[in-house]
Amino acid sequence: MNLDRAADLGRSLMDEYSGDMGTGWVFGFDNAVRRFGKCDHNRRRISLSGALTLKNSEEEIRNTILHEIAHAITRSMYGFHRNVESHGKEWKEVAELVGARPVACYSSDDVMAVTPRYVGSCAHAGCHGYGSAKKRRAERYCNYCIKDRGLVWSVVGMDVEARRPFRIAWKENPGYSGNGVDYTKYRWGTAA
């Protein structure tokens, strides 16, 4: 979908639900490639992945915007209660009310994914863990191997030699061509 049309749709839907969300929210695009949308409660921003927006239909864009609006409304209704999960029953009820599919994440069955610039694979023999990223990361480790061996999810406390077998080896993805779009034009317009 065209970014201008998506921005208009986003602002229009946010205006429609501004009474439930609260005022001061802005809409924009970001450079994400592994998530479609984001609701930033602290900055009062709803953003979409510019790359995923370009690749997907108006229906998917609308659903993602409504998904994020449901997060804003849920937080407005319940605040920061520990018992309210990000994609819990309260959020699902709100998502259904605003017309979003009440599911936590997009699936590749519904949404056309972006080809990542880099792909990574675990160096440990027999592991099928891998990753993808828009930029190469120096220190990234395979959570599959760490979890399987009963180690902590975060390897920050492990010494370098203990972490080495689980390091992700990054290489440039031969299928990556980039999209060449500058999203700064669409960043953080006026508040709704």
Foldseek 3Di string as FASTA:
>chain_A
DDPVVLLVLLVVLCVVCCVLLPWFAWEFEDQDQPAAWDQDQVNNYIYGHPVQVVQDDPVVSNLRSLLNSLQSNLCSVPPPDPVDDSLDPSSLVSSVVSPHHSDDGDDCVHTPGADAFKKWAQQAPPDGFIDGHNDDDDFDFGQVVCVVVVHDSDCVPPDPVVGVNGGIDMDTDPPDDDDPDDRPVGPTDGMD
